[in-house]
Amino acid sequence: MPDIVIVFFALGLIAGLLKSDLKVPKSIYETLSILLMLVLGLKGGMALHGKFELAMLSQLLPIAALGFILPLCCYPILRKLVGLSLDDSASVAAHYGSVSAGTFAVVLTMAEQAGLPLNPETTLYLVLLELPAIVIMLWLHRRLSGQGSKSGILREALTSRGVLLLGGGVLIGYLYGPVGLKPLAPVLFDGFKTMLALFLLEMGLCTAKVCSPLPWQHWRLIAFAALTPFALAWVGIAAALALNLPAGSALVLAGITASASYIAAPAAIRTAIPNANIGLAMLAALGITFPVNVLIGLPLYRT
């Protein structure tokens, strides 16, 4: 049987395809996304509490480097083979270099439930991959287009909601540890899987909305979105093997390198590249890659 949270995604997807009136209110979805990113950051900080060592940087820095490498690899494919414009190629590449917080939550839960060993710093992978991808693609876009000032790129990326919540959560969790956060544990940590299930229910509904009807005129982008997760997962697996990561951390790295952002990246790109068609990025990242990765990819990477 698949993990129960994945079943909630399937329920939302089926309901959306059947044109059901089921919906998650926008305010609740926004609250869930904030809570999920905050809790993920807090968990990572708690895992590092009293355990952080400079030696961890030997693993974290190469993972951060992937955040620069992956979008730079995706960009020429999107520009030349998929045939997107400069703006849209930079936008979609930023989404695929960045990572999905929803996928991260699912794969981390999967690894924990399976009892797979995880490094304390595993939760940091999300921030380390998300931030560089947005920065490098905004820089590349402005360099190629010759538009706008380069001075605000880092600020735009650093002040995005996802980065602030994840980074702030890590810092709070690291400083306070399990004891300091104990008063919040019943709601935030014990209720994490319930929040994730409801979030994935909404993701299923959103996926159905984006893909119904499927815009076959963008068949090359659809093919890219369906095939790319498996290629990117192998990059994550190769990096995990090279860094000698434990099985749980390797699974998490494979799962998120195969994912694409649909929360942090759209917010940053919408402001920085106003001529980019965010709908195309959402079609690829949320409509195709997310379900392919969650329903097919994660069980496959685990084997």
C-alpha atoms as a PDB file:
ATOM      1  CA  MET A   1       0.000   0.000   0.000  1.00  0.00           C
ATOM      2  CA  PRO A   2       1.280   3.527  -0.796  1.00  0.00           C
ATOM      3  CA  ASP A   3       1.898   5.948   2.049  1.00  0.00           C
ATOM      4  CA  ILE A   4      -1.366   7.419   3.329  1.00  0.00           C
ATOM      5  CA  VAL A   5      -0.393  11.013   2.442  1.00  0.00           C
ATOM      6  CA  ILE A   6       0.087  10.010  -1.212  1.00  0.00           C
ATOM      7  CA  VAL A   7      -3.446   8.586  -1.202  1.00  0.00           C
ATOM      8  CA  PHE A   8      -4.719  12.050  -0.256  1.00  0.00           C
ATOM      9  CA  PHE A   9      -2.955  13.482  -3.308  1.00  0.00           C
ATOM     10  CA  ALA A  10      -4.615  10.831  -5.472  1.00  0.00           C
ATOM     11  CA  LEU A  11      -7.997  11.684  -3.922  1.00  0.00           C
ATOM     12  CA  GLY A  12      -7.571  15.364  -4.784  1.00  0.00           C
ATOM     13  CA  LEU A  13      -6.431  14.509  -8.308  1.00  0.00           C
ATOM     14  CA  ILE A  14      -9.433  12.234  -8.944  1.00  0.00           C
ATOM     15  CA  ALA A  15     -11.842  14.778  -7.448  1.00  0.00           C
ATOM     16  CA  GLY A  16     -10.417  17.496  -9.676  1.00  0.00           C
ATOM     17  CA  LEU A  17     -10.587  15.383 -12.820  1.00  0.00           C
ATOM     18  CA  LEU A  18     -14.213  14.501 -12.019  1.00  0.00           C
ATOM     19  CA  LYS A  19     -15.019  18.238 -11.693  1.00  0.00           C
ATOM     20  CA  SER A  20     -16.086  17.796  -8.078  1.00  0.00           C
ATOM     21  CA  ASP A  21     -16.943  20.871  -5.998  1.00  0.00           C
ATOM     22  CA  LEU A  22     -14.360  19.754  -3.425  1.00  0.00           C
ATOM     23  CA  LYS A  23     -11.973  22.584  -2.603  1.00  0.00           C
ATOM     24  CA  VAL A  24      -9.529  23.599   0.095  1.00  0.00           C
ATOM     25  CA  PRO A  25     -10.056  27.277   0.968  1.00  0.00           C
ATOM     26  CA  LYS A  26      -7.149  29.449  -0.160  1.00  0.00           C
ATOM     27  CA  SER A  27      -6.545  30.742   3.352  1.00  0.00           C
ATOM     28  CA  ILE A  28      -6.191  27.180   4.661  1.00  0.00           C
ATOM     29  CA  TYR A  29      -3.831  26.232   1.832  1.00  0.00           C
ATOM     30  CA  GLU A  30      -1.669  29.299   2.557  1.00  0.00           C
ATOM     31  CA  THR A  31      -1.631  28.403   6.258  1.00  0.00           C
ATOM     32  CA  LEU A  32      -0.687  24.797   5.517  1.00  0.00           C
ATOM     33  CA  SER A  33       2.165  25.798   3.195  1.00  0.00           C
ATOM     34  CA  ILE A  34       3.545  28.195   5.826  1.00  0.00           C
ATOM     35  CA  LEU A  35       3.286  25.585   8.588  1.00  0.00           C
ATOM     36  CA  LEU A  36       4.879  22.844   6.478  1.00  0.00           C
ATOM     37  CA  MET A  37       7.913  24.918   5.549  1.00  0.00           C
ATOM     38  CA  LEU A  38       8.296  26.191   9.103  1.00  0.00           C
ATOM     39  CA  VAL A  39       8.056  22.692  10.605  1.00  0.00           C
ATOM     40  CA  LEU A  40      10.541  21.303   8.093  1.00  0.00           C
ATOM     41  CA  GLY A  41      12.977  24.025   9.084  1.00  0.00           C
ATOM     42  CA  LEU A  42      12.371  23.442  12.801  1.00  0.00           C
ATOM     43  CA  LYS A  43      12.961  19.704  12.374  1.00  0.00           C
ATOM     44  CA  GLY A  44      16.253  20.345  10.636  1.00  0.00           C
ATOM     45  CA  GLY A  45      17.356  22.795  13.315  1.00  0.00           C
ATOM     46  CA  MET A  46      16.406  20.394  16.099  1.00  0.00           C
ATOM     47  CA  ALA A  47      18.377  17.615  14.419  1.00  0.00           C
ATOM     48  CA  LEU A  48      21.423  19.910  14.362  1.00  0.00           C
ATOM     49  CA  HIS A  49      20.969  21.103  17.967  1.00  0.00           C
ATOM     50  CA  GLY A  50      24.204  20.365  19.778  1.00  0.00           C
ATOM     51  CA  LYS A  51      25.502  18.329  16.821  1.00  0.00           C
ATOM     52  CA  PHE A  52      26.658  20.871  14.243  1.00  0.00           C
ATOM     53  CA  GLU A  53      30.278  20.439  13.187  1.00  0.00           C
ATOM     54  CA  LEU A  54      32.345  22.220  10.549  1.00  0.00           C
ATOM     55  CA  ALA A  55      33.033  18.802   9.015  1.00  0.00           C
ATOM     56  CA  MET A  56      29.406  18.798   7.798  1.00  0.00           C
ATOM     57  CA  LEU A  57      30.339  21.510   5.302  1.00  0.00           C
ATOM     58  CA  SER A  58      32.263  18.941   3.252  1.00  0.00           C
ATOM     59  CA  GLN A  59      28.874  17.386   2.396  1.00  0.00           C
ATOM     60  CA  LEU A  60      26.703  20.486   2.399  1.00  0.00           C
ATOM     61  CA  LEU A  61      28.793  22.572  -0.005  1.00  0.00           C
ATOM     62  CA  PRO A  62      28.717  19.993  -2.851  1.00  0.00           C
ATOM     63  CA  ILE A  63      24.947  19.699  -2.399  1.00  0.00           C
ATOM     64  CA  ALA A  64      24.628  23.491  -2.604  1.00  0.00           C
ATOM     65  CA  ALA A  65      26.692  23.338  -5.811  1.00  0.00           C
ATOM     66  CA  LEU A  66      23.984  21.129  -7.332  1.00  0.00           C
ATOM     67  CA  GLY A  67      21.621  24.086  -6.912  1.00  0.00           C
ATOM     68  CA  PHE A  68      23.771  25.998  -9.412  1.00  0.00           C
ATOM     69  CA  ILE A  69      24.519  23.078 -11.736  1.00  0.00           C
ATOM     70  CA  LEU A  70      21.021  21.624 -12.260  1.00  0.00           C
ATOM     71  CA  PRO A  71      19.294  24.758 -13.646  1.00  0.00           C
ATOM     72  CA  LEU A  72      22.297  25.536 -15.854  1.00  0.00           C
ATOM     73  CA  CYS A  73      21.952  22.024 -17.334  1.00  0.00           C
ATOM     74  CA  CYS A  74      18.203  22.417 -17.841  1.00  0.00           C
ATOM     75  CA  TYR A  75      18.366  25.851 -19.481  1.00  0.00           C
ATOM     76  CA  PRO A  76      19.921  24.881 -22.867  1.00  0.00           C
ATOM     77  CA  ILE A  77      17.554  21.905 -23.162  1.00  0.00           C
ATOM     78  CA  LEU A  78      14.557  24.153 -22.587  1.00  0.00           C
ATOM     79  CA  ARG A  79      15.908  26.812 -24.955  1.00  0.00           C
ATOM     80  CA  LYS A  80      17.046  24.602 -27.847  1.00  0.00           C
ATOM     81  CA  LEU A  81      15.090  21.339 -27.650  1.00  0.00           C
ATOM     82  CA  VAL A  82      11.838  22.402 -25.996  1.00  0.00           C
ATOM     83  CA  GLY A  83      11.905  25.703 -27.900  1.00  0.00           C
ATOM     84  CA  LEU A  84      10.919  28.111 -25.131  1.00  0.00           C
ATOM     85  CA  SER A  85      11.713  31.811 -25.174  1.00  0.00           C
ATOM     86  CA  LEU A  86      14.597  33.256 -23.159  1.00  0.00           C
ATOM     87  CA  ASP A  87      12.234  34.389 -20.404  1.00  0.00           C
ATOM     88  CA  ASP A  88      10.368  31.090 -20.191  1.00  0.00           C
ATOM     89  CA  SER A  89      13.537  28.982 -20.415  1.00  0.00           C
ATOM     90  CA  ALA A  90      15.077  30.864 -17.485  1.00  0.00           C
ATOM     91  CA  SER A  91      11.817  30.615 -15.555  1.00  0.00           C
ATOM     92  CA  VAL A  92      11.309  26.864 -16.023  1.00  0.00           C
ATOM     93  CA  ALA A  93      15.007  26.145 -15.404  1.00  0.00           C
ATOM     94  CA  ALA A  94      14.798  28.044 -12.104  1.00  0.00           C
ATOM     95  CA  HIS A  95      11.786  25.931 -11.101  1.00  0.00           C
ATOM     96  CA  TYR A  96      13.656  22.697 -11.890  1.00  0.00           C
ATOM     97  CA  GLY A  97      16.899  23.770 -10.245  1.00  0.00           C
ATOM     98  CA  SER A  98      14.889  24.721  -7.193  1.00  0.00           C
ATOM     99  CA  VAL A  99      13.044  22.003  -5.319  1.00  0.00           C
ATOM    100  CA  SER A 100       9.565  21.080  -4.120  1.00  0.00           C
ATOM    101  CA  ALA A 101       8.846  21.514  -0.413  1.00  0.00           C
ATOM    102  CA  GLY A 102       5.864  19.166  -0.801  1.00  0.00           C
ATOM    103  CA  THR A 103       8.016  16.433  -2.339  1.00  0.00           C
ATOM    104  CA  PHE A 104      10.630  16.986   0.366  1.00  0.00           C
ATOM    105  CA  ALA A 105       8.020  16.555   3.107  1.00  0.00           C
ATOM    106  CA  VAL A 106       6.744  13.338   1.494  1.00  0.00           C
ATOM    107  CA  VAL A 107      10.175  11.760   0.932  1.00  0.00           C
ATOM    108  CA  LEU A 108      11.437  12.755   4.395  1.00  0.00           C
ATOM    109  CA  THR A 109       8.350  11.180   5.972  1.00  0.00           C
ATOM    110  CA  MET A 110       8.864   8.088   3.818  1.00  0.00           C
ATOM    111  CA  ALA A 111      12.485   7.746   4.951  1.00  0.00           C
ATOM    112  CA  GLU A 112      11.604   8.259   8.624  1.00  0.00           C
ATOM    113  CA  GLN A 113       8.766   5.724   8.551  1.00  0.00           C
ATOM    114  CA  ALA A 114      10.980   3.147   6.844  1.00  0.00           C
ATOM    115  CA  GLY A 115      13.580   3.620   9.566  1.00  0.00           C
ATOM    116  CA  LEU A 116      16.264   4.624   7.082  1.00  0.00           C
ATOM    117  CA  PRO A 117      19.283   6.391   8.622  1.00  0.00           C
ATOM    118  CA  LEU A 118      19.358  10.153   8.101  1.00  0.00           C
ATOM    119  CA  ASN A 119      22.138  12.654   8.649  1.00  0.00           C
ATOM    120  CA  PRO A 120      21.168  15.448  11.088  1.00  0.00           C
ATOM    121  CA  GLU A 121      21.695  18.058   8.356  1.00  0.00           C
ATOM    122  CA  THR A 122      19.371  16.397   5.811  1.00  0.00           C
ATOM    123  CA  THR A 123      16.678  19.042   6.223  1.00  0.00           C
ATOM    124  CA  LEU A 124      19.184  21.677   5.110  1.00  0.00           C
ATOM    125  CA  TYR A 125      19.237  20.120   1.628  1.00  0.00           C
ATOM    126  CA  LEU A 126      15.989  21.915   0.813  1.00  0.00           C
ATOM    127  CA  VAL A 127      17.368  25.399   1.469  1.00  0.00           C
ATOM    128  CA  LEU A 128      20.753  24.586  -0.077  1.00  0.00           C
ATOM    129  CA  LEU A 129      19.176  23.555  -3.381  1.00  0.00           C
ATOM    130  CA  GLU A 130      16.405  26.127  -3.535  1.00  0.00           C
ATOM    131  CA  LEU A 131      18.335  29.355  -3.041  1.00  0.00           C
ATOM    132  CA  PRO A 132      21.245  28.894  -5.541  1.00  0.00           C
ATOM    133  CA  ALA A 133      18.916  27.816  -8.360  1.00  0.00           C
ATOM    134  CA  ILE A 134      16.822  30.979  -8.151  1.00  0.00           C
ATOM    135  CA  VAL A 135      19.876  33.227  -7.854  1.00  0.00           C
ATOM    136  CA  ILE A 136      21.816  31.698 -10.769  1.00  0.00           C
ATOM    137  CA  MET A 137      18.889  31.744 -13.189  1.00  0.00           C
ATOM    138  CA  LEU A 138      17.934  35.330 -12.359  1.00  0.00           C
ATOM    139  CA  TRP A 139      21.569  36.285 -12.902  1.00  0.00           C
ATOM    140  CA  LEU A 140      21.745  34.358 -16.212  1.00  0.00           C
ATOM    141  CA  HIS A 141      18.493  35.863 -17.451  1.00  0.00           C
ATOM    142  CA  ARG A 142      19.611  39.401 -16.739  1.00  0.00           C
ATOM    143  CA  ARG A 143      23.006  38.761 -18.283  1.00  0.00           C
ATOM    144  CA  LEU A 144      21.513  37.347 -21.494  1.00  0.00           C
ATOM    145  CA  SER A 145      18.683  39.847 -21.775  1.00  0.00           C
ATOM    146  CA  GLY A 146      20.648  42.889 -20.619  1.00  0.00           C
ATOM    147  CA  GLN A 147      17.622  44.010 -18.631  1.00  0.00           C
ATOM    148  CA  GLY A 148      17.384  45.329 -15.131  1.00  0.00           C
ATOM    149  CA  SER A 149      19.825  45.693 -12.296  1.00  0.00           C
ATOM    150  CA  LYS A 150      21.733  42.725 -10.938  1.00  0.00           C
ATOM    151  CA  SER A 151      21.964  44.232  -7.449  1.00  0.00           C
ATOM    152  CA  GLY A 152      18.582  42.992  -6.246  1.00  0.00           C
ATOM    153  CA  ILE A 153      18.884  39.342  -7.284  1.00  0.00           C
ATOM    154  CA  LEU A 154      20.234  37.998  -3.997  1.00  0.00           C
ATOM    155  CA  ARG A 155      17.770  40.051  -1.977  1.00  0.00           C
ATOM    156  CA  GLU A 156      14.818  38.759  -4.027  1.00  0.00           C
ATOM    157  CA  ALA A 157      15.901  35.174  -3.418  1.00  0.00           C
ATOM    158  CA  LEU A 158      16.765  35.600   0.256  1.00  0.00           C
ATOM    159  CA  THR A 159      13.503  37.345   1.127  1.00  0.00           C
ATOM    160  CA  SER A 160      11.227  34.800  -0.538  1.00  0.00           C
ATOM    161  CA  ARG A 161       8.726  33.199   1.813  1.00  0.00           C
ATOM    162  CA  GLY A 162      10.133  29.692   1.502  1.00  0.00           C
ATOM    163  CA  VAL A 163      13.718  30.685   2.238  1.00  0.00           C
ATOM    164  CA  LEU A 164      12.724  32.857   5.219  1.00  0.00           C
ATOM    165  CA  LEU A 165      10.523  30.169   6.763  1.00  0.00           C
ATOM    166  CA  LEU A 166      12.964  27.318   6.189  1.00  0.00           C
ATOM    167  CA  GLY A 167      16.039  29.297   7.212  1.00  0.00           C
ATOM    168  CA  GLY A 168      14.297  30.880  10.189  1.00  0.00           C
ATOM    169  CA  GLY A 169      12.932  27.500  11.262  1.00  0.00           C
ATOM    170  CA  VAL A 170      16.383  25.928  11.112  1.00  0.00           C
ATOM    171  CA  LEU A 171      17.839  28.731  13.228  1.00  0.00           C
ATOM    172  CA  ILE A 172      15.035  28.567  15.820  1.00  0.00           C
ATOM    173  CA  GLY A 173      15.197  24.773  15.994  1.00  0.00           C
ATOM    174  CA  TYR A 174      18.982  24.853  16.352  1.00  0.00           C
ATOM    175  CA  LEU A 175      18.904  27.458  19.135  1.00  0.00           C
ATOM    176  CA  TYR A 176      16.013  26.011  21.166  1.00  0.00           C
ATOM    177  CA  GLY A 177      16.313  22.288  20.491  1.00  0.00           C
ATOM    178  CA  PRO A 178      13.693  19.653  21.414  1.00  0.00           C
ATOM    179  CA  VAL A 179      13.334  20.920  24.991  1.00  0.00           C
ATOM    180  CA  GLY A 180      12.710  24.544  24.059  1.00  0.00           C
ATOM    181  CA  LEU A 181      10.214  23.593  21.350  1.00  0.00           C
ATOM    182  CA  LYS A 182       8.358  21.055  23.490  1.00  0.00           C
ATOM    183  CA  PRO A 183       5.333  23.369  24.088  1.00  0.00           C
ATOM    184  CA  LEU A 184       4.773  23.524  20.313  1.00  0.00           C
ATOM    185  CA  ALA A 185       5.317  19.818  19.671  1.00  0.00           C
ATOM    186  CA  PRO A 186       1.686  18.589  20.006  1.00  0.00           C
ATOM    187  CA  VAL A 187       0.434  20.928  17.275  1.00  0.00           C
ATOM    188  CA  LEU A 188       3.411  21.354  14.961  1.00  0.00           C
ATOM    189  CA  PHE A 189       5.210  18.018  15.104  1.00  0.00           C
ATOM    190  CA  ASP A 190       2.494  15.534  16.088  1.00  0.00           C
ATOM    191  CA  GLY A 191       0.142  17.116  13.548  1.00  0.00           C
ATOM    192  CA  PHE A 192       2.718  17.302  10.745  1.00  0.00           C
ATOM    193  CA  LYS A 193       1.426  14.317   8.802  1.00  0.00           C
ATOM    194  CA  THR A 194      -2.160  15.572   8.987  1.00  0.00           C
ATOM    195  CA  MET A 195      -1.057  18.953   7.627  1.00  0.00           C
ATOM    196  CA  LEU A 196       0.885  17.204   4.865  1.00  0.00           C
ATOM    197  CA  ALA A 197      -2.135  15.076   3.915  1.00  0.00           C
ATOM    198  CA  LEU A 198      -4.384  18.132   3.584  1.00  0.00           C
ATOM    199  CA  PHE A 199      -1.692  19.992   1.654  1.00  0.00           C
ATOM    200  CA  LEU A 200      -1.368  17.106  -0.812  1.00  0.00           C
ATOM    201  CA  LEU A 201      -5.161  16.962  -1.179  1.00  0.00           C
ATOM    202  CA  GLU A 202      -5.004  20.558  -2.428  1.00  0.00           C
ATOM    203  CA  MET A 203      -1.998  19.721  -4.621  1.00  0.00           C
ATOM    204  CA  GLY A 204      -4.064  16.978  -6.252  1.00  0.00           C
ATOM    205  CA  LEU A 205      -6.874  19.450  -6.948  1.00  0.00           C
ATOM    206  CA  CYS A 206      -4.380  21.987  -8.357  1.00  0.00           C
ATOM    207  CA  THR A 207      -2.754  19.361 -10.565  1.00  0.00           C
ATOM    208  CA  ALA A 208      -6.116  18.400 -12.050  1.00  0.00           C
ATOM    209  CA  LYS A 209      -6.904  22.066 -12.715  1.00  0.00           C
ATOM    210  CA  VAL A 210      -3.587  22.684 -14.473  1.00  0.00           C
ATOM    211  CA  CYS A 211      -3.821  19.518 -16.572  1.00  0.00           C
ATOM    212  CA  SER A 212      -7.483  19.529 -17.507  1.00  0.00           C
ATOM    213  CA  PRO A 213      -7.492  19.709 -20.437  1.00  0.00           C
ATOM    214  CA  LEU A 214      -3.858  18.843 -21.098  1.00  0.00           C
ATOM    215  CA  PRO A 215      -2.402  21.475 -23.478  1.00  0.00           C
ATOM    216  CA  TRP A 216      -0.898  19.147 -26.087  1.00  0.00           C
ATOM    217  CA  GLN A 217       0.456  22.117 -28.061  1.00  0.00           C
ATOM    218  CA  HIS A 218       3.162  22.149 -25.382  1.00  0.00           C
ATOM    219  CA  TRP A 219       3.961  18.465 -25.874  1.00  0.00           C
ATOM    220  CA  ARG A 220       7.719  19.037 -25.800  1.00  0.00           C
ATOM    221  CA  LEU A 221       7.475  20.743 -22.408  1.00  0.00           C
ATOM    222  CA  ILE A 222       5.193  17.942 -21.177  1.00  0.00           C
ATOM    223  CA  ALA A 223       7.750  15.346 -22.303  1.00  0.00           C
ATOM    224  CA  PHE A 224      10.515  17.317 -20.575  1.00  0.00           C
ATOM    225  CA  ALA A 225       8.501  17.465 -17.345  1.00  0.00           C
ATOM    226  CA  ALA A 226       7.729  13.720 -17.437  1.00  0.00           C
ATOM    227  CA  LEU A 227      11.261  12.494 -18.221  1.00  0.00           C
ATOM    228  CA  THR A 228      13.484  15.003 -16.459  1.00  0.00           C
ATOM    229  CA  PRO A 229      12.712  13.830 -12.873  1.00  0.00           C
ATOM    230  CA  PHE A 230      14.321  10.457 -13.542  1.00  0.00           C
ATOM    231  CA  ALA A 231      17.445  12.009 -15.060  1.00  0.00           C
ATOM    232  CA  LEU A 232      17.763  14.498 -12.198  1.00  0.00           C
ATOM    233  CA  ALA A 233      17.183  11.743  -9.629  1.00  0.00           C
ATOM    234  CA  TRP A 234      20.267   9.947 -10.969  1.00  0.00           C
ATOM    235  CA  VAL A 235      22.268  13.123 -10.409  1.00  0.00           C
ATOM    236  CA  GLY A 236      21.093  13.119  -6.799  1.00  0.00           C
ATOM    237  CA  ILE A 237      21.867   9.409  -6.419  1.00  0.00           C
ATOM    238  CA  ALA A 238      25.350   9.863  -7.899  1.00  0.00           C
ATOM    239  CA  ALA A 239      26.017  12.775  -5.522  1.00  0.00           C
ATOM    240  CA  ALA A 240      24.774  10.733  -2.563  1.00  0.00           C
ATOM    241  CA  LEU A 241      27.084   7.846  -3.476  1.00  0.00           C
ATOM    242  CA  ALA A 242      30.043  10.197  -3.950  1.00  0.00           C
ATOM    243  CA  LEU A 243      29.388  11.809  -0.558  1.00  0.00           C
ATOM    244  CA  ASN A 244      28.740   8.421   1.094  1.00  0.00           C
ATOM    245  CA  LEU A 245      25.375   9.544   2.454  1.00  0.00           C
ATOM    246  CA  PRO A 246      23.273   7.121   4.546  1.00  0.00           C
ATOM    247  CA  ALA A 247      20.297   5.484   2.827  1.00  0.00           C
ATOM    248  CA  GLY A 248      17.670   7.910   4.170  1.00  0.00           C
ATOM    249  CA  SER A 249      19.608  11.037   3.235  1.00  0.00           C
ATOM    250  CA  ALA A 250      20.364   9.546  -0.193  1.00  0.00           C
ATOM    251  CA  LEU A 251      16.658   8.905  -0.790  1.00  0.00           C
ATOM    252  CA  VAL A 252      15.799  12.464   0.245  1.00  0.00           C
ATOM    253  CA  LEU A 253      18.487  13.932  -2.027  1.00  0.00           C
ATOM    254  CA  ALA A 254      17.341  11.827  -4.987  1.00  0.00           C
ATOM    255  CA  GLY A 255      13.706  12.778  -4.405  1.00  0.00           C
ATOM    256  CA  ILE A 256      14.247  16.511  -4.220  1.00  0.00           C
ATOM    257  CA  THR A 257      16.792  16.803  -7.035  1.00  0.00           C
ATOM    258  CA  ALA A 258      14.125  15.098  -9.166  1.00  0.00           C
ATOM    259  CA  SER A 259      11.490  17.623  -8.091  1.00  0.00           C
ATOM    260  CA  ALA A 260      10.596  21.132  -9.228  1.00  0.00           C
ATOM    261  CA  SER A 261       9.490  24.105  -7.162  1.00  0.00           C
ATOM    262  CA  TYR A 262       5.906  25.359  -7.283  1.00  0.00           C
ATOM    263  CA  ILE A 263       5.966  27.577  -4.168  1.00  0.00           C
ATOM    264  CA  ALA A 264       9.205  29.551  -3.752  1.00  0.00           C
ATOM    265  CA  ALA A 265      10.327  29.772  -7.393  1.00  0.00           C
ATOM    266  CA  PRO A 266       7.027  31.104  -8.826  1.00  0.00           C
ATOM    267  CA  ALA A 267       6.972  33.911  -6.248  1.00  0.00           C
ATOM    268  CA  ALA A 268      10.546  34.957  -7.077  1.00  0.00           C
ATOM    269  CA  ILE A 269      10.221  34.565 -10.856  1.00  0.00           C
ATOM    270  CA  ARG A 270       6.898  36.390 -11.118  1.00  0.00           C
ATOM    271  CA  THR A 271       8.564  39.522  -9.744  1.00  0.00           C
ATOM    272  CA  ALA A 272      11.990  39.198 -11.363  1.00  0.00           C
ATOM    273  CA  ILE A 273      10.976  38.013 -14.871  1.00  0.00           C
ATOM    274  CA  PRO A 274       7.546  39.603 -15.451  1.00  0.00           C
ATOM    275  CA  ASN A 275       7.369  38.493 -19.107  1.00  0.00           C
ATOM    276  CA  ALA A 276       7.771  34.804 -18.216  1.00  0.00           C
ATOM    277  CA  ASN A 277       4.649  32.645 -18.521  1.00  0.00           C
ATOM    278  CA  ILE A 278       4.346  31.225 -14.994  1.00  0.00           C
ATOM    279  CA  GLY A 279       1.522  29.003 -16.228  1.00  0.00           C
ATOM    280  CA  LEU A 280       3.999  26.990 -18.317  1.00  0.00           C
ATOM    281  CA  ALA A 281       6.254  26.506 -15.306  1.00  0.00           C
ATOM    282  CA  MET A 282       3.302  25.408 -13.165  1.00  0.00           C
ATOM    283  CA  LEU A 283       2.096  23.029 -15.868  1.00  0.00           C
ATOM    284  CA  ALA A 284       5.511  21.363 -15.920  1.00  0.00           C
ATOM    285  CA  ALA A 285       6.412  21.498 -12.223  1.00  0.00           C
ATOM    286  CA  LEU A 286       3.039  20.870 -10.591  1.00  0.00           C
ATOM    287  CA  GLY A 287       0.956  19.357 -13.368  1.00  0.00           C
ATOM    288  CA  ILE A 288       3.448  16.754 -14.593  1.00  0.00           C
ATOM    289  CA  THR A 289       6.632  16.448 -12.520  1.00  0.00           C
ATOM    290  CA  PHE A 290       5.025  16.488  -9.066  1.00  0.00           C
ATOM    291  CA  PRO A 291       2.615  13.572  -9.642  1.00  0.00           C
ATOM    292  CA  VAL A 292       5.210  11.611 -11.661  1.00  0.00           C
ATOM    293  CA  ASN A 293       7.746  12.054  -8.878  1.00  0.00           C
ATOM    294  CA  VAL A 294       5.414  11.324  -5.950  1.00  0.00           C
ATOM    295  CA  LEU A 295       3.415   8.461  -7.457  1.00  0.00           C
ATOM    296  CA  ILE A 296       6.137   6.733  -9.502  1.00  0.00           C
ATOM    297  CA  GLY A 297       9.552   8.203  -8.770  1.00  0.00           C
ATOM    298  CA  LEU A 298       9.846   8.043  -4.982  1.00  0.00           C
ATOM    299  CA  PRO A 299       8.950   4.342  -4.663  1.00  0.00           C
ATOM    300  CA  LEU A 300      11.387   3.643  -7.524  1.00  0.00           C
ATOM    301  CA  TYR A 301      14.263   5.627  -5.976  1.00  0.00           C
ATOM    302  CA  ARG A 302      13.741   3.805  -2.694  1.00  0.00           C
ATOM    303  CA  THR A 303      14.472   0.456  -4.347  1.00  0.00           C
END
